[in-house]
PDB file of N, CA and C in Angstrom:
ATOM      1  N   UNK A   1       0.839  -1.170   0.000  1.00  0.00           N
ATOM      2  CA  UNK A   1       0.000   0.000   0.000  1.00  0.00           C
ATOM      3  C   UNK A   1       0.890   1.242   0.000  1.00  0.00           C
ATOM      4  N   UNK A   2       0.541   2.215  -0.818  1.00  0.00           N
ATOM      5  CA  UNK A   2       1.343   3.433  -0.945  1.00  0.00           C
ATOM      6  C   UNK A   2       1.147   4.321   0.281  1.00  0.00           C
ATOM      7  N   UNK A   3       2.204   5.020   0.621  1.00  0.00           N
ATOM      8  CA  UNK A   3       2.081   5.934   1.763  1.00  0.00           C
ATOM      9  C   UNK A   3       1.263   7.150   1.350  1.00  0.00           C
ATOM     10  N   UNK A   4       0.546   7.654   2.288  1.00  0.00           N
ATOM     11  CA  UNK A   4      -0.344   8.775   2.009  1.00  0.00           C
ATOM     12  C   UNK A   4       0.398  10.086   2.278  1.00  0.00           C
ATOM     13  N   UNK A   5       0.421  10.958   1.295  1.00  0.00           N
ATOM     14  CA  UNK A   5       1.085  12.243   1.477  1.00  0.00           C
ATOM     15  C   UNK A   5       0.051  13.298   1.872  1.00  0.00           C
ATOM     16  N   UNK A   6       0.385  14.042   2.869  1.00  0.00           N
ATOM     17  CA  UNK A   6      -0.494  15.142   3.268  1.00  0.00           C
ATOM     18  C   UNK A   6       0.245  16.454   3.028  1.00  0.00           C
ATOM     19  N   UNK A   7      -0.444  17.371   2.494  1.00  0.00           N
ATOM     20  CA  UNK A   7       0.156  18.684   2.259  1.00  0.00           C
ATOM     21  C   UNK A   7      -0.551  19.702   3.142  1.00  0.00           C
ATOM     22  N   UNK A   8       0.184  20.688   3.547  1.00  0.00           N
ATOM     23  CA  UNK A   8      -0.415  21.732   4.365  1.00  0.00           C
ATOM     24  C   UNK A   8      -0.985  22.805   3.455  1.00  0.00           C
ATOM     25  N   UNK A   9      -2.066  23.384   3.896  1.00  0.00           N
ATOM     26  CA  UNK A   9      -2.688  24.451   3.125  1.00  0.00           C
ATOM     27  C   UNK A   9      -1.857  25.724   3.279  1.00  0.00           C
ATOM     28  N   UNK A  10      -1.742  26.483   2.227  1.00  0.00           N
ATOM     29  CA  UNK A  10      -1.010  27.743   2.360  1.00  0.00           C
ATOM     30  C   UNK A  10      -1.792  28.705   3.255  1.00  0.00           C
ATOM     31  N   UNK A  11      -1.085  29.517   4.028  1.00  0.00           N
ATOM     32  CA  UNK A  11      -1.804  30.434   4.924  1.00  0.00           C
ATOM     33  C   UNK A  11      -2.583  31.480   4.117  1.00  0.00           C
ATOM     34  N   UNK A  12      -3.746  31.797   4.616  1.00  0.00           N
ATOM     35  CA  UNK A  12      -4.572  32.802   3.957  1.00  0.00           C
ATOM     36  C   UNK A  12      -4.007  34.181   4.258  1.00  0.00           C
ATOM     37  N   UNK A  13      -4.181  35.081   3.328  1.00  0.00           N
ATOM     38  CA  UNK A  13      -3.724  36.454   3.525  1.00  0.00           C
ATOM     39  C   UNK A  13      -4.744  37.198   4.378  1.00  0.00           C
ATOM     40  N   UNK A  14      -4.466  37.217   5.657  1.00  0.00           N
ATOM     41  CA  UNK A  14      -5.349  37.901   6.595  1.00  0.00           C
ATOM     42  C   UNK A  14      -4.772  39.280   6.846  1.00  0.00           C
ATOM     43  N   UNK A  15      -5.563  40.300   6.565  1.00  0.00           N
ATOM     44  CA  UNK A  15      -5.076  41.653   6.796  1.00  0.00           C
ATOM     45  C   UNK A  15      -5.069  41.928   8.300  1.00  0.00           C
ATOM     46  N   UNK A  16      -4.033  42.615   8.777  1.00  0.00           N
ATOM     47  CA  UNK A  16      -3.967  42.894  10.212  1.00  0.00           C
ATOM     48  C   UNK A  16      -5.054  43.891  10.620  1.00  0.00           C
ATOM     49  N   UNK A  17      -5.435  43.816  11.876  1.00  0.00           N
ATOM     50  CA  UNK A  17      -6.438  44.742  12.392  1.00  0.00           C
ATOM     51  C   UNK A  17      -5.869  46.155  12.367  1.00  0.00           C
ATOM     52  N   UNK A  18      -6.699  47.151  12.104  1.00  0.00           N
ATOM     53  CA  UNK A  18      -6.191  48.520  12.064  1.00  0.00           C
ATOM     54  C   UNK A  18      -5.648  48.933  13.426  1.00  0.00           C
ATOM     55  N   UNK A  19      -4.574  49.695  13.396  1.00  0.00           N
ATOM     56  CA  UNK A  19      -3.940  50.136  14.634  1.00  0.00           C
ATOM     57  C   UNK A  19      -4.820  51.169  15.333  1.00  0.00           C
ATOM     58  N   UNK A  20      -4.882  51.076  16.649  1.00  0.00           N
ATOM     59  CA  UNK A  20      -5.702  51.972  17.450  1.00  0.00           C
ATOM     60  C   UNK A  20      -4.870  53.191  17.845  1.00  0.00           C
ATOM     61  N   UNK A  21      -5.483  54.351  17.811  1.00  0.00           N
ATOM     62  CA  UNK A  21      -4.822  55.595  18.198  1.00  0.00           C
ATOM     63  C   UNK A  21      -4.501  55.537  19.693  1.00  0.00           C
ATOM     64  N   UNK A  22      -3.267  55.865  20.064  1.00  0.00           N
ATOM     65  CA  UNK A  22      -2.868  55.737  21.470  1.00  0.00           C
ATOM     66  C   UNK A  22      -3.400  56.846  22.378  1.00  0.00           C
ATOM     67  N   UNK A  23      -3.482  58.126  21.990  1.00  0.00           N
ATOM     68  CA  UNK A  23      -3.996  59.131  22.926  1.00  0.00           C
ATOM     69  C   UNK A  23      -5.457  58.920  23.319  1.00  0.00           C
ATOM     70  N   UNK A  24      -6.293  58.465  22.374  1.00  0.00           N
ATOM     71  CA  UNK A  24      -7.721  58.319  22.678  1.00  0.00           C
ATOM     72  C   UNK A  24      -8.140  56.863  22.852  1.00  0.00           C
ATOM     73  N   UNK A  25      -7.229  55.919  22.670  1.00  0.00           N
ATOM     74  CA  UNK A  25      -7.514  54.482  22.790  1.00  0.00           C
ATOM     75  C   UNK A  25      -8.634  54.035  21.852  1.00  0.00           C
ATOM     76  N   UNK A  26      -8.719  54.663  20.690  1.00  0.00           N
ATOM     77  CA  UNK A  26      -9.681  54.248  19.683  1.00  0.00           C
ATOM     78  C   UNK A  26     -11.056  54.844  19.811  1.00  0.00           C
ATOM     79  N   UNK A  27     -11.309  55.677  20.809  1.00  0.00           N
ATOM     80  CA  UNK A  27     -12.643  56.255  20.971  1.00  0.00           C
ATOM     81  C   UNK A  27     -12.846  57.512  20.138  1.00  0.00           C
ATOM     82  N   UNK A  28     -11.756  58.211  19.791  1.00  0.00           N
ATOM     83  CA  UNK A  28     -11.861  59.445  19.024  1.00  0.00           C
ATOM     84  C   UNK A  28     -12.083  60.676  19.880  1.00  0.00           C
ATOM     85  N   UNK A  29     -12.264  60.475  21.182  1.00  0.00           N
ATOM     86  CA  UNK A  29     -12.492  61.592  22.092  1.00  0.00           C
ATOM     87  C   UNK A  29     -11.428  61.588  23.182  1.00  0.00           C
ATOM     88  N   UNK A  30     -10.977  62.777  23.588  1.00  0.00           N
ATOM     89  CA  UNK A  30     -10.020  62.917  24.684  1.00  0.00           C
ATOM     90  C   UNK A  30     -10.589  63.903  25.696  1.00  0.00           C
ATOM     91  N   UNK A  31     -10.161  63.773  26.940  1.00  0.00           N
ATOM     92  CA  UNK A  31     -10.619  64.671  27.994  1.00  0.00           C
ATOM     93  C   UNK A  31      -9.691  65.875  28.065  1.00  0.00           C
ATOM     94  N   UNK A  32     -10.270  67.063  28.087  1.00  0.00           N
ATOM     95  CA  UNK A  32      -9.510  68.299  28.212  1.00  0.00           C
ATOM     96  C   UNK A  32      -9.903  68.967  29.526  1.00  0.00           C
ATOM     97  N   UNK A  33      -8.923  69.361  30.309  1.00  0.00           N
ATOM     98  CA  UNK A  33      -9.190  70.001  31.591  1.00  0.00           C
ATOM     99  C   UNK A  33      -9.689  71.427  31.362  1.00  0.00           C
ATOM    100  N   UNK A  34     -10.754  71.794  32.071  1.00  0.00           N
ATOM    101  CA  UNK A  34     -11.308  73.144  31.982  1.00  0.00           C
ATOM    102  C   UNK A  34     -10.771  73.934  33.161  1.00  0.00           C
ATOM    103  N   UNK A  35     -10.160  75.087  32.867  1.00  0.00           N
ATOM    104  CA  UNK A  35      -9.591  75.938  33.909  1.00  0.00           C
ATOM    105  C   UNK A  35     -10.325  77.273  33.917  1.00  0.00           C
ATOM    106  N   UNK A  36     -10.599  77.787  35.127  1.00  0.00           N
ATOM    107  CA  UNK A  36     -11.300  79.069  35.251  1.00  0.00           C
ATOM    108  C   UNK A  36     -10.604  79.939  36.277  1.00  0.00           C
ATOM    109  N   UNK A  37     -10.918  81.204  36.233  1.00  0.00           N
ATOM    110  CA  UNK A  37     -10.426  82.142  37.237  1.00  0.00           C
ATOM    111  C   UNK A  37      -9.078  82.739  36.899  1.00  0.00           C
ATOM    112  N   UNK A  38      -8.690  83.701  37.725  1.00  0.00           N
ATOM    113  CA  UNK A  38      -7.433  84.393  37.499  1.00  0.00           C
ATOM    114  C   UNK A  38      -6.236  83.480  37.739  1.00  0.00           C
ATOM    115  N   UNK A  39      -6.364  82.587  38.698  1.00  0.00           N
ATOM    116  CA  UNK A  39      -5.260  81.661  39.005  1.00  0.00           C
ATOM    117  C   UNK A  39      -5.330  80.383  38.178  1.00  0.00           C
ATOM    118  N   UNK A  40      -6.310  80.310  37.267  1.00  0.00           N
ATOM    119  CA  UNK A  40      -6.457  79.175  36.352  1.00  0.00           C
ATOM    120  C   UNK A  40      -6.585  77.842  37.085  1.00  0.00           C
ATOM    121  N   UNK A  41      -7.493  77.806  38.042  1.00  0.00           N
ATOM    122  CA  UNK A  41      -7.693  76.563  38.785  1.00  0.00           C
ATOM    123  C   UNK A  41      -8.538  75.597  37.974  1.00  0.00           C
ATOM    124  N   UNK A  42      -8.215  74.285  38.025  1.00  0.00           N
ATOM    125  CA  UNK A  42      -8.997  73.297  37.260  1.00  0.00           C
ATOM    126  C   UNK A  42     -10.365  73.078  37.893  1.00  0.00           C
ATOM    127  N   UNK A  43     -11.407  73.083  37.094  1.00  0.00           N
ATOM    128  CA  UNK A  43     -12.774  72.912  37.571  1.00  0.00           C
ATOM    129  C   UNK A  43     -13.316  71.546  37.192  1.00  0.00           C
ATOM    130  N   UNK A  44     -13.035  71.091  35.999  1.00  0.00           N
ATOM    131  CA  UNK A  44     -13.556  69.813  35.538  1.00  0.00           C
ATOM    132  C   UNK A  44     -12.931  69.440  34.214  1.00  0.00           C
ATOM    133  N   UNK A  45     -13.572  68.516  33.521  1.00  0.00           N
ATOM    134  CA  UNK A  45     -13.070  68.083  32.225  1.00  0.00           C
ATOM    135  C   UNK A  45     -14.219  68.060  31.224  1.00  0.00           C
ATOM    136  N   UNK A  46     -13.880  68.283  29.983  1.00  0.00           N
ATOM    137  CA  UNK A  46     -14.862  68.162  28.915  1.00  0.00           C
ATOM    138  C   UNK A  46     -14.273  67.319  27.804  1.00  0.00           C
ATOM    139  N   UNK A  47     -15.132  66.671  27.047  1.00  0.00           N
ATOM    140  CA  UNK A  47     -14.681  65.834  25.936  1.00  0.00           C
ATOM    141  C   UNK A  47     -14.353  66.704  24.738  1.00  0.00           C
ATOM    142  N   UNK A  48     -13.297  66.318  24.053  1.00  0.00           N
ATOM    143  CA  UNK A  48     -12.913  67.022  22.845  1.00  0.00           C
ATOM    144  C   UNK A  48     -12.469  66.031  21.789  1.00  0.00           C
ATOM    145  N   UNK A  49     -12.414  66.472  20.563  1.00  0.00           N
ATOM    146  CA  UNK A  49     -12.002  65.640  19.440  1.00  0.00           C
ATOM    147  C   UNK A  49     -10.500  65.359  19.534  1.00  0.00           C
ATOM    148  N   UNK A  50     -10.109  64.117  19.318  1.00  0.00           N
ATOM    149  CA  UNK A  50      -8.695  63.746  19.335  1.00  0.00           C
ATOM    150  C   UNK A  50      -8.015  64.367  18.114  1.00  0.00           C
ATOM    151  N   UNK A  51      -6.987  65.188  18.339  1.00  0.00           N
ATOM    152  CA  UNK A  51      -6.308  65.859  17.240  1.00  0.00           C
ATOM    153  C   UNK A  51      -5.292  64.955  16.552  1.00  0.00           C
ATOM    154  N   UNK A  52      -4.963  63.830  17.175  1.00  0.00           N
ATOM    155  CA  UNK A  52      -4.013  62.902  16.555  1.00  0.00           C
ATOM    156  C   UNK A  52      -4.673  62.137  15.407  1.00  0.00           C
ATOM    157  N   UNK A  53      -5.879  61.634  15.636  1.00  0.00           N
ATOM    158  CA  UNK A  53      -6.567  60.839  14.608  1.00  0.00           C
ATOM    159  C   UNK A  53      -7.788  61.549  14.037  1.00  0.00           C
ATOM    160  N   UNK A  54      -8.083  62.747  14.512  1.00  0.00           N
ATOM    161  CA  UNK A  54      -9.230  63.554  14.084  1.00  0.00           C
ATOM    162  C   UNK A  54     -10.557  62.820  14.248  1.00  0.00           C
ATOM    163  N   UNK A  55     -10.680  62.071  15.347  1.00  0.00           N
ATOM    164  CA  UNK A  55     -11.950  61.433  15.696  1.00  0.00           C
ATOM    165  C   UNK A  55     -12.198  60.089  15.058  1.00  0.00           C
ATOM    166  N   UNK A  56     -11.298  59.601  14.217  1.00  0.00           N
ATOM    167  CA  UNK A  56     -11.546  58.316  13.562  1.00  0.00           C
ATOM    168  C   UNK A  56     -11.225  57.142  14.481  1.00  0.00           C
ATOM    169  N   UNK A  57     -10.294  57.312  15.426  1.00  0.00           N
ATOM    170  CA  UNK A  57      -9.918  56.244  16.335  1.00  0.00           C
ATOM    171  C   UNK A  57      -8.812  55.356  15.795  1.00  0.00           C
ATOM    172  N   UNK A  58      -8.374  55.586  14.572  1.00  0.00           N
ATOM    173  CA  UNK A  58      -7.306  54.787  13.976  1.00  0.00           C
ATOM    174  C   UNK A  58      -6.017  55.577  13.983  1.00  0.00           C
ATOM    175  N   UNK A  59      -4.914  54.880  14.192  1.00  0.00           N
ATOM    176  CA  UNK A  59      -3.611  55.529  14.226  1.00  0.00           C
ATOM    177  C   UNK A  59      -3.270  56.094  12.851  1.00  0.00           C
ATOM    178  N   UNK A  60      -2.821  57.340  12.766  1.00  0.00           N
ATOM    179  CA  UNK A  60      -2.538  57.938  11.458  1.00  0.00           C
ATOM    180  C   UNK A  60      -1.312  57.363  10.768  1.00  0.00           C
ATOM    181  N   UNK A  61      -0.344  56.778  11.501  1.00  0.00           N
ATOM    182  CA  UNK A  61       0.873  56.267  10.874  1.00  0.00           C
ATOM    183  C   UNK A  61       0.677  54.869  10.296  1.00  0.00           C
ATOM    184  N   UNK A  62      -0.384  54.176  10.703  1.00  0.00           N
ATOM    185  CA  UNK A  62      -0.550  52.795  10.231  1.00  0.00           C
ATOM    186  C   UNK A  62      -1.177  52.717   8.880  1.00  0.00           C
TER     187      UNK A  62
END
């Protein structure tokens, strides 16, 4: 009886997952501290658009 040859399947071309923006962690929003008064004391935070990825959540260099 002849020996049975098995071949491996070639790996599929799987595209890598898109890189996540590091300052906003992929959300597209970052917290900005709000300061008021003459001494510029911090009062709270408000959400703002991430200027690194412009709100897309994907890293611009990838």
